[in-house]
Amino acid sequence: MITINIMSSTLKPYANRILLKVEEKEAKTDKDILIPDKIQEKYQKGKVIAIGTGKKNKIGYIAPTKFKVGETVLFSKYEANEIKMNDGTYFLIIEKNILASYR
């Protein structure tokens, strides 16, 4: 994972990349069971902020991404690039590395 500090407020992902804003992690479940830090570090929950145009296939057609802006997704922190901006921490990830979505 690479951490990048950016002072700009605009970041547009290209191709099949997705920009995610990290949501705060809860240390407890609904039943007040504590979640160990080691498990919390492995997976992250984030909200889709911006999406790229899609990935070009072998015949030149651009296949749009499967996710939409505003959707909440679960992803592996180790598969994404961390970007620190003025207003928070973001992750830039390739679409295929997103594990699940909440609709």
PDB file of N, CA and C in Angstrom:
ATOM      1  N   MET A   1       0.843  -1.175   0.000  1.00  0.00           N
ATOM      2  CA  MET A   1       0.000   0.000   0.000  1.00  0.00           C
ATOM      3  C   MET A   1       0.889   1.238   0.000  1.00  0.00           C
ATOM      4  N   ILE A   2       0.508   2.223  -0.785  1.00  0.00           N
ATOM      5  CA  ILE A   2       1.243   3.475  -0.898  1.00  0.00           C
ATOM      6  C   ILE A   2       0.388   4.590  -0.305  1.00  0.00           C
ATOM      7  N   THR A   3       0.999   5.453   0.490  1.00  0.00           N
ATOM      8  CA  THR A   3       0.287   6.606   1.034  1.00  0.00           C
ATOM      9  C   THR A   3       0.762   7.850   0.305  1.00  0.00           C
ATOM     10  N   ILE A   4      -0.195   8.648  -0.187  1.00  0.00           N
ATOM     11  CA  ILE A   4       0.111   9.853  -0.950  1.00  0.00           C
ATOM     12  C   ILE A   4      -0.587  11.030  -0.284  1.00  0.00           C
ATOM     13  N   ASN A   5       0.116  12.126  -0.110  1.00  0.00           N
ATOM     14  CA  ASN A   5      -0.486  13.348   0.422  1.00  0.00           C
ATOM     15  C   ASN A   5      -0.753  14.305  -0.728  1.00  0.00           C
ATOM     16  N   ILE A   6      -1.992  14.780  -0.841  1.00  0.00           N
ATOM     17  CA  ILE A   6      -2.390  15.673  -1.923  1.00  0.00           C
ATOM     18  C   ILE A   6      -3.045  16.917  -1.331  1.00  0.00           C
ATOM     19  N   MET A   7      -2.663  18.073  -1.838  1.00  0.00           N
ATOM     20  CA  MET A   7      -3.229  19.325  -1.339  1.00  0.00           C
ATOM     21  C   MET A   7      -4.438  19.763  -2.163  1.00  0.00           C
ATOM     22  N   SER A   8      -4.632  19.184  -3.341  1.00  0.00           N
ATOM     23  CA  SER A   8      -5.741  19.550  -4.210  1.00  0.00           C
ATOM     24  C   SER A   8      -7.051  18.996  -3.662  1.00  0.00           C
ATOM     25  N   SER A   9      -8.160  19.617  -4.017  1.00  0.00           N
ATOM     26  CA  SER A   9      -9.456  19.139  -3.554  1.00  0.00           C
ATOM     27  C   SER A   9     -10.189  18.330  -4.614  1.00  0.00           C
ATOM     28  N   THR A  10      -9.612  18.200  -5.825  1.00  0.00           N
ATOM     29  CA  THR A  10     -10.263  17.471  -6.901  1.00  0.00           C
ATOM     30  C   THR A  10      -9.385  16.304  -7.334  1.00  0.00           C
ATOM     31  N   LEU A  11      -9.977  15.125  -7.359  1.00  0.00           N
ATOM     32  CA  LEU A  11      -9.259  13.931  -7.783  1.00  0.00           C
ATOM     33  C   LEU A  11     -10.225  13.087  -8.602  1.00  0.00           C
ATOM     34  N   LYS A  12      -9.891  12.815  -9.862  1.00  0.00           N
ATOM     35  CA  LYS A  12     -10.757  12.063 -10.775  1.00  0.00           C
ATOM     36  C   LYS A  12     -10.071  10.757 -11.129  1.00  0.00           C
ATOM     37  N   PRO A  13     -10.663   9.605 -10.771  1.00  0.00           N
ATOM     38  CA  PRO A  13     -10.055   8.326 -11.136  1.00  0.00           C
ATOM     39  C   PRO A  13     -10.212   8.020 -12.626  1.00  0.00           C
ATOM     40  N   TYR A  14      -9.250   7.290 -13.188  1.00  0.00           N
ATOM     41  CA  TYR A  14      -9.286   6.887 -14.588  1.00  0.00           C
ATOM     42  C   TYR A  14      -9.589   5.405 -14.711  1.00  0.00           C
ATOM     43  N   ALA A  15     -10.038   5.011 -15.899  1.00  0.00           N
ATOM     44  CA  ALA A  15     -10.312   3.610 -16.277  1.00  0.00           C
ATOM     45  C   ALA A  15     -11.240   2.944 -15.273  1.00  0.00           C
ATOM     46  N   ASN A  16     -10.853   1.801 -14.738  1.00  0.00           N
ATOM     47  CA  ASN A  16     -11.724   1.055 -13.838  1.00  0.00           C
ATOM     48  C   ASN A  16     -11.356   1.266 -12.370  1.00  0.00           C
ATOM     49  N   ARG A  17     -10.860   2.431 -12.051  1.00  0.00           N
ATOM     50  CA  ARG A  17     -10.503   2.752 -10.667  1.00  0.00           C
ATOM     51  C   ARG A  17     -11.639   3.496  -9.980  1.00  0.00           C
ATOM     52  N   ILE A  18     -11.704   3.310  -8.662  1.00  0.00           N
ATOM     53  CA  ILE A  18     -12.780   3.893  -7.867  1.00  0.00           C
ATOM     54  C   ILE A  18     -12.166   4.612  -6.673  1.00  0.00           C
ATOM     55  N   LEU A  19     -12.651   5.815  -6.389  1.00  0.00           N
ATOM     56  CA  LEU A  19     -12.197   6.597  -5.242  1.00  0.00           C
ATOM     57  C   LEU A  19     -13.189   6.399  -4.103  1.00  0.00           C
ATOM     58  N   LEU A  20     -12.667   5.975  -2.935  1.00  0.00           N
ATOM     59  CA  LEU A  20     -13.500   5.686  -1.773  1.00  0.00           C
ATOM     60  C   LEU A  20     -13.139   6.588  -0.608  1.00  0.00           C
ATOM     61  N   LYS A  21     -14.137   7.042   0.126  1.00  0.00           N
ATOM     62  CA  LYS A  21     -13.921   7.766   1.381  1.00  0.00           C
ATOM     63  C   LYS A  21     -14.143   6.766   2.500  1.00  0.00           C
ATOM     64  N   VAL A  22     -13.185   6.655   3.392  1.00  0.00           N
ATOM     65  CA  VAL A  22     -13.232   5.678   4.464  1.00  0.00           C
ATOM     66  C   VAL A  22     -14.272   6.082   5.504  1.00  0.00           C
ATOM     67  N   GLU A  23     -15.082   5.099   5.905  1.00  0.00           N
ATOM     68  CA  GLU A  23     -16.043   5.327   6.981  1.00  0.00           C
ATOM     69  C   GLU A  23     -15.407   4.918   8.297  1.00  0.00           C
ATOM     70  N   GLU A  24     -15.829   5.573   9.361  1.00  0.00           N
ATOM     71  CA  GLU A  24     -15.285   5.262  10.685  1.00  0.00           C
ATOM     72  C   GLU A  24     -15.608   3.826  11.059  1.00  0.00           C
ATOM     73  N   LYS A  25     -14.622   3.136  11.637  1.00  0.00           N
ATOM     74  CA  LYS A  25     -14.815   1.758  12.056  1.00  0.00           C
ATOM     75  C   LYS A  25     -15.395   1.720  13.456  1.00  0.00           C
ATOM     76  N   GLU A  26     -16.292   0.775  13.666  1.00  0.00           N
ATOM     77  CA  GLU A  26     -16.855   0.577  14.996  1.00  0.00           C
ATOM     78  C   GLU A  26     -16.063  -0.515  15.686  1.00  0.00           C
ATOM     79  N   ALA A  27     -15.675  -0.277  16.938  1.00  0.00           N
ATOM     80  CA  ALA A  27     -14.882  -1.247  17.687  1.00  0.00           C
ATOM     81  C   ALA A  27     -15.759  -2.325  18.322  1.00  0.00           C
ATOM     82  N   LYS A  28     -17.087  -2.126  18.286  1.00  0.00           N
ATOM     83  CA  LYS A  28     -18.014  -3.097  18.884  1.00  0.00           C
ATOM     84  C   LYS A  28     -19.099  -3.465  17.888  1.00  0.00           C
ATOM     85  N   THR A  29     -19.653  -4.649  18.065  1.00  0.00           N
ATOM     86  CA  THR A  29     -20.797  -5.060  17.261  1.00  0.00           C
ATOM     87  C   THR A  29     -22.076  -4.589  17.942  1.00  0.00           C
ATOM     88  N   ASP A  30     -23.220  -4.906  17.350  1.00  0.00           N
ATOM     89  CA  ASP A  30     -24.511  -4.535  17.949  1.00  0.00           C
ATOM     90  C   ASP A  30     -24.722  -5.181  19.311  1.00  0.00           C
ATOM     91  N   LYS A  31     -24.103  -6.326  19.529  1.00  0.00           N
ATOM     92  CA  LYS A  31     -24.257  -7.072  20.790  1.00  0.00           C
ATOM     93  C   LYS A  31     -23.132  -6.749  21.776  1.00  0.00           C
ATOM     94  N   ASP A  32     -22.416  -5.632  21.557  1.00  0.00           N
ATOM     95  CA  ASP A  32     -21.320  -5.178  22.418  1.00  0.00           C
ATOM     96  C   ASP A  32     -20.134  -6.139  22.484  1.00  0.00           C
ATOM     97  N   ILE A  33     -19.881  -6.842  21.395  1.00  0.00           N
ATOM     98  CA  ILE A  33     -18.697  -7.697  21.309  1.00  0.00           C
ATOM     99  C   ILE A  33     -17.580  -6.867  20.695  1.00  0.00           C
ATOM    100  N   LEU A  34     -16.432  -6.832  21.365  1.00  0.00           N
ATOM    101  CA  LEU A  34     -15.295  -6.063  20.862  1.00  0.00           C
ATOM    102  C   LEU A  34     -14.661  -6.751  19.669  1.00  0.00           C
ATOM    103  N   ILE A  35     -14.359  -5.980  18.637  1.00  0.00           N
ATOM    104  CA  ILE A  35     -13.695  -6.501  17.435  1.00  0.00           C
ATOM    105  C   ILE A  35     -12.200  -6.231  17.577  1.00  0.00           C
ATOM    106  N   PRO A  36     -11.352  -7.261  17.485  1.00  0.00           N
ATOM    107  CA  PRO A  36      -9.904  -7.058  17.633  1.00  0.00           C
ATOM    108  C   PRO A  36      -9.349  -6.109  16.572  1.00  0.00           C
ATOM    109  N   ASP A  37      -8.325  -5.345  16.945  1.00  0.00           N
ATOM    110  CA  ASP A  37      -7.696  -4.388  16.028  1.00  0.00           C
ATOM    111  C   ASP A  37      -7.140  -5.063  14.786  1.00  0.00           C
ATOM    112  N   LYS A  38      -6.617  -6.271  14.922  1.00  0.00           N
ATOM    113  CA  LYS A  38      -6.023  -6.975  13.784  1.00  0.00           C
ATOM    114  C   LYS A  38      -7.062  -7.225  12.685  1.00  0.00           C
ATOM    115  N   ILE A  39      -8.283  -7.574  13.066  1.00  0.00           N
ATOM    116  CA  ILE A  39      -9.354  -7.795  12.092  1.00  0.00           C
ATOM    117  C   ILE A  39      -9.823  -6.465  11.519  1.00  0.00           C
ATOM    118  N   GLN A  40      -9.898  -5.428  12.341  1.00  0.00           N
ATOM    119  CA  GLN A  40     -10.335  -4.109  11.870  1.00  0.00           C
ATOM    120  C   GLN A  40      -9.389  -3.557  10.824  1.00  0.00           C
ATOM    121  N   GLU A  41      -8.097  -3.851  10.941  1.00  0.00           N
ATOM    122  CA  GLU A  41      -7.114  -3.321   9.999  1.00  0.00           C
ATOM    123  C   GLU A  41      -7.207  -3.973   8.623  1.00  0.00           C
ATOM    124  N   LYS A  42      -7.609  -5.235   8.550  1.00  0.00           N
ATOM    125  CA  LYS A  42      -7.585  -5.978   7.300  1.00  0.00           C
ATOM    126  C   LYS A  42      -8.630  -5.487   6.297  1.00  0.00           C
ATOM    127  N   TYR A  43      -9.847  -5.275   6.743  1.00  0.00           N
ATOM    128  CA  TYR A  43     -10.921  -4.850   5.857  1.00  0.00           C
ATOM    129  C   TYR A  43     -11.414  -3.474   6.233  1.00  0.00           C
ATOM    130  N   GLN A  44     -11.855  -2.724   5.239  1.00  0.00           N
ATOM    131  CA  GLN A  44     -12.352  -1.370   5.448  1.00  0.00           C
ATOM    132  C   GLN A  44     -13.706  -1.219   4.784  1.00  0.00           C
ATOM    133  N   LYS A  45     -14.491  -0.322   5.335  1.00  0.00           N
ATOM    134  CA  LYS A  45     -15.764   0.020   4.718  1.00  0.00           C
ATOM    135  C   LYS A  45     -15.636   1.446   4.216  1.00  0.00           C
ATOM    136  N   GLY A  46     -16.086   1.683   2.987  1.00  0.00           N
ATOM    137  CA  GLY A  46     -15.962   3.018   2.420  1.00  0.00           C
ATOM    138  C   GLY A  46     -17.131   3.361   1.518  1.00  0.00           C
ATOM    139  N   LYS A  47     -17.260   4.647   1.246  1.00  0.00           N
ATOM    140  CA  LYS A  47     -18.319   5.141   0.373  1.00  0.00           C
ATOM    141  C   LYS A  47     -17.703   5.565  -0.952  1.00  0.00           C
ATOM    142  N   VAL A  48     -18.343   5.173  -2.054  1.00  0.00           N
ATOM    143  CA  VAL A  48     -17.850   5.517  -3.388  1.00  0.00           C
ATOM    144  C   VAL A  48     -18.057   7.016  -3.606  1.00  0.00           C
ATOM    145  N   ILE A  49     -16.957   7.734  -3.859  1.00  0.00           N
ATOM    146  CA  ILE A  49     -16.996   9.179  -4.071  1.00  0.00           C
ATOM    147  C   ILE A  49     -16.946   9.510  -5.558  1.00  0.00           C
ATOM    148  N   ALA A  50     -16.112   8.779  -6.305  1.00  0.00           N
ATOM    149  CA  ALA A  50     -15.969   9.023  -7.747  1.00  0.00           C
ATOM    150  C   ALA A  50     -15.573   7.721  -8.423  1.00  0.00           C
ATOM    151  N   ILE A  51     -15.990   7.567  -9.684  1.00  0.00           N
ATOM    152  CA  ILE A  51     -15.644   6.370 -10.448  1.00  0.00           C
ATOM    153  C   ILE A  51     -15.006   6.776 -11.773  1.00  0.00           C
ATOM    154  N   GLY A  52     -14.162   5.882 -12.280  1.00  0.00           N
ATOM    155  CA  GLY A  52     -13.546   6.115 -13.590  1.00  0.00           C
ATOM    156  C   GLY A  52     -14.531   5.795 -14.702  1.00  0.00           C
ATOM    157  N   THR A  53     -14.093   5.964 -15.931  1.00  0.00           N
ATOM    158  CA  THR A  53     -14.960   5.755 -17.092  1.00  0.00           C
ATOM    159  C   THR A  53     -15.238   4.292 -17.365  1.00  0.00           C
ATOM    160  N   GLY A  54     -14.396   3.392 -16.914  1.00  0.00           N
ATOM    161  CA  GLY A  54     -14.560   1.965 -17.158  1.00  0.00           C
ATOM    162  C   GLY A  54     -13.332   1.382 -17.824  1.00  0.00           C
ATOM    163  N   LYS A  55     -13.329   0.064 -17.964  1.00  0.00           N
ATOM    164  CA  LYS A  55     -12.175  -0.625 -18.545  1.00  0.00           C
ATOM    165  C   LYS A  55     -12.456  -0.985 -19.997  1.00  0.00           C
ATOM    166  N   LYS A  56     -11.474  -0.746 -20.843  1.00  0.00           N
ATOM    167  CA  LYS A  56     -11.597  -1.077 -22.265  1.00  0.00           C
ATOM    168  C   LYS A  56     -11.320  -2.566 -22.460  1.00  0.00           C
ATOM    169  N   ASN A  57     -12.217  -3.257 -23.180  1.00  0.00           N
ATOM    170  CA  ASN A  57     -12.020  -4.683 -23.429  1.00  0.00           C
ATOM    171  C   ASN A  57     -11.228  -4.907 -24.724  1.00  0.00           C
ATOM    172  N   LYS A  58     -11.102  -6.164 -25.135  1.00  0.00           N
ATOM    173  CA  LYS A  58     -10.259  -6.514 -26.296  1.00  0.00           C
ATOM    174  C   LYS A  58     -10.739  -5.909 -27.614  1.00  0.00           C
ATOM    175  N   ILE A  59     -12.038  -5.698 -27.763  1.00  0.00           N
ATOM    176  CA  ILE A  59     -12.544  -5.145 -29.035  1.00  0.00           C
ATOM    177  C   ILE A  59     -12.710  -3.623 -28.994  1.00  0.00           C
ATOM    178  N   GLY A  60     -12.279  -3.006 -27.892  1.00  0.00           N
ATOM    179  CA  GLY A  60     -12.295  -1.554 -27.809  1.00  0.00           C
ATOM    180  C   GLY A  60     -13.512  -0.958 -27.121  1.00  0.00           C
ATOM    181  N   TYR A  61     -14.457  -1.776 -26.704  1.00  0.00           N
ATOM    182  CA  TYR A  61     -15.655  -1.299 -26.008  1.00  0.00           C
ATOM    183  C   TYR A  61     -15.301  -1.001 -24.554  1.00  0.00           C
ATOM    184  N   ILE A  62     -15.772   0.124 -24.038  1.00  0.00           N
ATOM    185  CA  ILE A  62     -15.517   0.469 -22.642  1.00  0.00           C
ATOM    186  C   ILE A  62     -16.665  -0.047 -21.783  1.00  0.00           C
ATOM    187  N   ALA A  63     -16.345  -0.995 -20.906  1.00  0.00           N
ATOM    188  CA  ALA A  63     -17.336  -1.566 -19.989  1.00  0.00           C
ATOM    189  C   ALA A  63     -17.407  -0.682 -18.750  1.00  0.00           C
ATOM    190  N   PRO A  64     -18.567  -0.099 -18.442  1.00  0.00           N
ATOM    191  CA  PRO A  64     -18.677   0.777 -17.273  1.00  0.00           C
ATOM    192  C   PRO A  64     -18.496  -0.004 -15.968  1.00  0.00           C
ATOM    193  N   THR A  65     -18.139   0.695 -14.904  1.00  0.00           N
ATOM    194  CA  THR A  65     -17.970   0.046 -13.606  1.00  0.00           C
ATOM    195  C   THR A  65     -19.317  -0.405 -13.056  1.00  0.00           C
ATOM    196  N   LYS A  66     -19.284  -1.389 -12.172  1.00  0.00           N
ATOM    197  CA  LYS A  66     -20.505  -1.954 -11.601  1.00  0.00           C
ATOM    198  C   LYS A  66     -21.019  -1.145 -10.410  1.00  0.00           C
ATOM    199  N   PHE A  67     -20.232  -0.229  -9.918  1.00  0.00           N
ATOM    200  CA  PHE A  67     -20.588   0.522  -8.716  1.00  0.00           C
ATOM    201  C   PHE A  67     -21.043   1.927  -9.065  1.00  0.00           C
ATOM    202  N   LYS A  68     -21.804   2.511  -8.164  1.00  0.00           N
ATOM    203  CA  LYS A  68     -22.331   3.863  -8.370  1.00  0.00           C
ATOM    204  C   LYS A  68     -21.874   4.773  -7.243  1.00  0.00           C
ATOM    205  N   VAL A  69     -21.790   6.060  -7.539  1.00  0.00           N
ATOM    206  CA  VAL A  69     -21.417   7.045  -6.532  1.00  0.00           C
ATOM    207  C   VAL A  69     -22.449   7.006  -5.406  1.00  0.00           C
ATOM    208  N   GLY A  70     -21.972   6.997  -4.158  1.00  0.00           N
ATOM    209  CA  GLY A  70     -22.847   6.957  -2.997  1.00  0.00           C
ATOM    210  C   GLY A  70     -23.007   5.576  -2.400  1.00  0.00           C
ATOM    211  N   GLU A  71     -22.613   4.545  -3.129  1.00  0.00           N
ATOM    212  CA  GLU A  71     -22.723   3.171  -2.652  1.00  0.00           C
ATOM    213  C   GLU A  71     -21.676   2.901  -1.572  1.00  0.00           C
ATOM    214  N   THR A  72     -22.006   2.061  -0.596  1.00  0.00           N
ATOM    215  CA  THR A  72     -21.069   1.666   0.447  1.00  0.00           C
ATOM    216  C   THR A  72     -20.497   0.302   0.095  1.00  0.00           C
ATOM    217  N   VAL A  73     -19.170   0.167   0.178  1.00  0.00           N
ATOM    218  CA  VAL A  73     -18.504  -1.074  -0.219  1.00  0.00           C
ATOM    219  C   VAL A  73     -17.541  -1.540   0.861  1.00  0.00           C
ATOM    220  N   LEU A  74     -17.220  -2.824   0.807  1.00  0.00           N
ATOM    221  CA  LEU A  74     -16.232  -3.434   1.686  1.00  0.00           C
ATOM    222  C   LEU A  74     -15.027  -3.782   0.819  1.00  0.00           C
ATOM    223  N   PHE A  75     -13.832  -3.410   1.269  1.00  0.00           N
ATOM    224  CA  PHE A  75     -12.631  -3.656   0.478  1.00  0.00           C
ATOM    225  C   PHE A  75     -11.451  -3.983   1.366  1.00  0.00           C
ATOM    226  N   SER A  76     -10.450  -4.610   0.784  1.00  0.00           N
ATOM    227  CA  SER A  76      -9.228  -4.925   1.502  1.00  0.00           C
ATOM    228  C   SER A  76      -8.312  -3.712   1.457  1.00  0.00           C
ATOM    229  N   LYS A  77      -7.894  -3.277   2.602  1.00  0.00           N
ATOM    230  CA  LYS A  77      -7.039  -2.100   2.711  1.00  0.00           C
ATOM    231  C   LYS A  77      -5.708  -2.310   1.986  1.00  0.00           C
ATOM    232  N   TYR A  78      -5.249  -3.541   1.906  1.00  0.00           N
ATOM    233  CA  TYR A  78      -3.949  -3.836   1.300  1.00  0.00           C
ATOM    234  C   TYR A  78      -3.993  -3.834  -0.224  1.00  0.00           C
ATOM    235  N   GLU A  79      -5.175  -3.809  -0.820  1.00  0.00           N
ATOM    236  CA  GLU A  79      -5.321  -3.795  -2.281  1.00  0.00           C
ATOM    237  C   GLU A  79      -5.513  -2.374  -2.824  1.00  0.00           C
ATOM    238  N   ALA A  80      -5.480  -1.373  -1.960  1.00  0.00           N
ATOM    239  CA  ALA A  80      -5.784  -0.001  -2.372  1.00  0.00           C
ATOM    240  C   ALA A  80      -4.611   0.931  -2.067  1.00  0.00           C
ATOM    241  N   ASN A  81      -4.613   2.088  -2.731  1.00  0.00           N
ATOM    242  CA  ASN A  81      -3.632   3.138  -2.462  1.00  0.00           C
ATOM    243  C   ASN A  81      -4.277   4.194  -1.589  1.00  0.00           C
ATOM    244  N   GLU A  82      -3.662   4.468  -0.457  1.00  0.00           N
ATOM    245  CA  GLU A  82      -4.191   5.448   0.482  1.00  0.00           C
ATOM    246  C   GLU A  82      -3.797   6.850   0.036  1.00  0.00           C
ATOM    247  N   ILE A  83      -4.757   7.768   0.048  1.00  0.00           N
ATOM    248  CA  ILE A  83      -4.515   9.150  -0.350  1.00  0.00           C
ATOM    249  C   ILE A  83      -5.024  10.056   0.762  1.00  0.00           C
ATOM    250  N   LYS A  84      -4.140  10.879   1.299  1.00  0.00           N
ATOM    251  CA  LYS A  84      -4.537  11.817   2.353  1.00  0.00           C
ATOM    252  C   LYS A  84      -4.712  13.188   1.728  1.00  0.00           C
ATOM    253  N   MET A  85      -5.907  13.741   1.893  1.00  0.00           N
ATOM    254  CA  MET A  85      -6.213  15.065   1.364  1.00  0.00           C
ATOM    255  C   MET A  85      -6.586  15.979   2.531  1.00  0.00           C
ATOM    256  N   ASN A  86      -6.820  17.240   2.221  1.00  0.00           N
ATOM    257  CA  ASN A  86      -7.153  18.206   3.259  1.00  0.00           C
ATOM    258  C   ASN A  86      -8.361  17.786   4.086  1.00  0.00           C
ATOM    259  N   ASP A  87      -9.357  17.180   3.444  1.00  0.00           N
ATOM    260  CA  ASP A  87     -10.607  16.875   4.137  1.00  0.00           C
ATOM    261  C   ASP A  87     -10.734  15.417   4.571  1.00  0.00           C
ATOM    262  N   GLY A  88      -9.663  14.638   4.582  1.00  0.00           N
ATOM    263  CA  GLY A  88      -9.748  13.272   5.082  1.00  0.00           C
ATOM    264  C   GLY A  88      -8.904  12.274   4.312  1.00  0.00           C
ATOM    265  N   THR A  89      -9.122  11.012   4.618  1.00  0.00           N
ATOM    266  CA  THR A  89      -8.388   9.919   4.005  1.00  0.00           C
ATOM    267  C   THR A  89      -9.263   9.231   2.969  1.00  0.00           C
ATOM    268  N   TYR A  90      -8.680   8.985   1.810  1.00  0.00           N
ATOM    269  CA  TYR A  90      -9.372   8.326   0.711  1.00  0.00           C
ATOM    270  C   TYR A  90      -8.551   7.127   0.261  1.00  0.00           C
ATOM    271  N   PHE A  91      -9.200   6.210  -0.455  1.00  0.00           N
ATOM    272  CA  PHE A  91      -8.504   5.081  -1.053  1.00  0.00           C
ATOM    273  C   PHE A  91      -8.857   5.010  -2.523  1.00  0.00           C
ATOM    274  N   LEU A  92      -7.853   4.766  -3.365  1.00  0.00           N
ATOM    275  CA  LEU A  92      -8.037   4.574  -4.797  1.00  0.00           C
ATOM    276  C   LEU A  92      -7.813   3.093  -5.062  1.00  0.00           C
ATOM    277  N   ILE A  93      -8.839   2.436  -5.626  1.00  0.00           N
ATOM    278  CA  ILE A  93      -8.805   0.981  -5.764  1.00  0.00           C
ATOM    279  C   ILE A  93      -9.305   0.572  -7.147  1.00  0.00           C
ATOM    280  N   ILE A  94      -8.781  -0.531  -7.660  1.00  0.00           N
ATOM    281  CA  ILE A  94      -9.272  -1.093  -8.916  1.00  0.00           C
ATOM    282  C   ILE A  94     -10.577  -1.826  -8.618  1.00  0.00           C
ATOM    283  N   GLU A  95     -11.526  -1.708  -9.523  1.00  0.00           N
ATOM    284  CA  GLU A  95     -12.874  -2.252  -9.319  1.00  0.00           C
ATOM    285  C   GLU A  95     -12.887  -3.726  -8.888  1.00  0.00           C
ATOM    286  N   LYS A  96     -12.061  -4.560  -9.493  1.00  0.00           N
ATOM    287  CA  LYS A  96     -12.087  -6.000  -9.188  1.00  0.00           C
ATOM    288  C   LYS A  96     -11.642  -6.315  -7.759  1.00  0.00           C
ATOM    289  N   ASN A  97     -11.007  -5.368  -7.063  1.00  0.00           N
ATOM    290  CA  ASN A  97     -10.541  -5.601  -5.708  1.00  0.00           C
ATOM    291  C   ASN A  97     -11.565  -5.228  -4.629  1.00  0.00           C
ATOM    292  N   ILE A  98     -12.739  -4.785  -5.040  1.00  0.00           N
ATOM    293  CA  ILE A  98     -13.812  -4.521  -4.071  1.00  0.00           C
ATOM    294  C   ILE A  98     -14.484  -5.848  -3.756  1.00  0.00           C
ATOM    295  N   LEU A  99     -14.666  -6.147  -2.474  1.00  0.00           N
ATOM    296  CA  LEU A  99     -15.160  -7.443  -2.042  1.00  0.00           C
ATOM    297  C   LEU A  99     -16.685  -7.540  -2.042  1.00  0.00           C
ATOM    298  N   ALA A 100     -17.378  -6.475  -1.632  1.00  0.00           N
ATOM    299  CA  ALA A 100     -18.844  -6.529  -1.532  1.00  0.00           C
ATOM    300  C   ALA A 100     -19.398  -5.113  -1.495  1.00  0.00           C
ATOM    301  N   SER A 101     -20.707  -4.998  -1.732  1.00  0.00           N
ATOM    302  CA  SER A 101     -21.352  -3.693  -1.623  1.00  0.00           C
ATOM    303  C   SER A 101     -22.613  -3.802  -0.791  1.00  0.00           C
ATOM    304  N   TYR A 102     -22.977  -2.697  -0.149  1.00  0.00           N
ATOM    305  CA  TYR A 102     -24.204  -2.607   0.643  1.00  0.00           C
ATOM    306  C   TYR A 102     -25.153  -1.723  -0.139  1.00  0.00           C
ATOM    307  N   ARG A 103     -26.341  -2.212  -0.444  1.00  0.00           N
ATOM    308  CA  ARG A 103     -27.312  -1.400  -1.190  1.00  0.00           C
ATOM    309  C   ARG A 103     -28.502  -1.080  -0.341  1.00  0.00           C
TER     310      ARG A 103
END
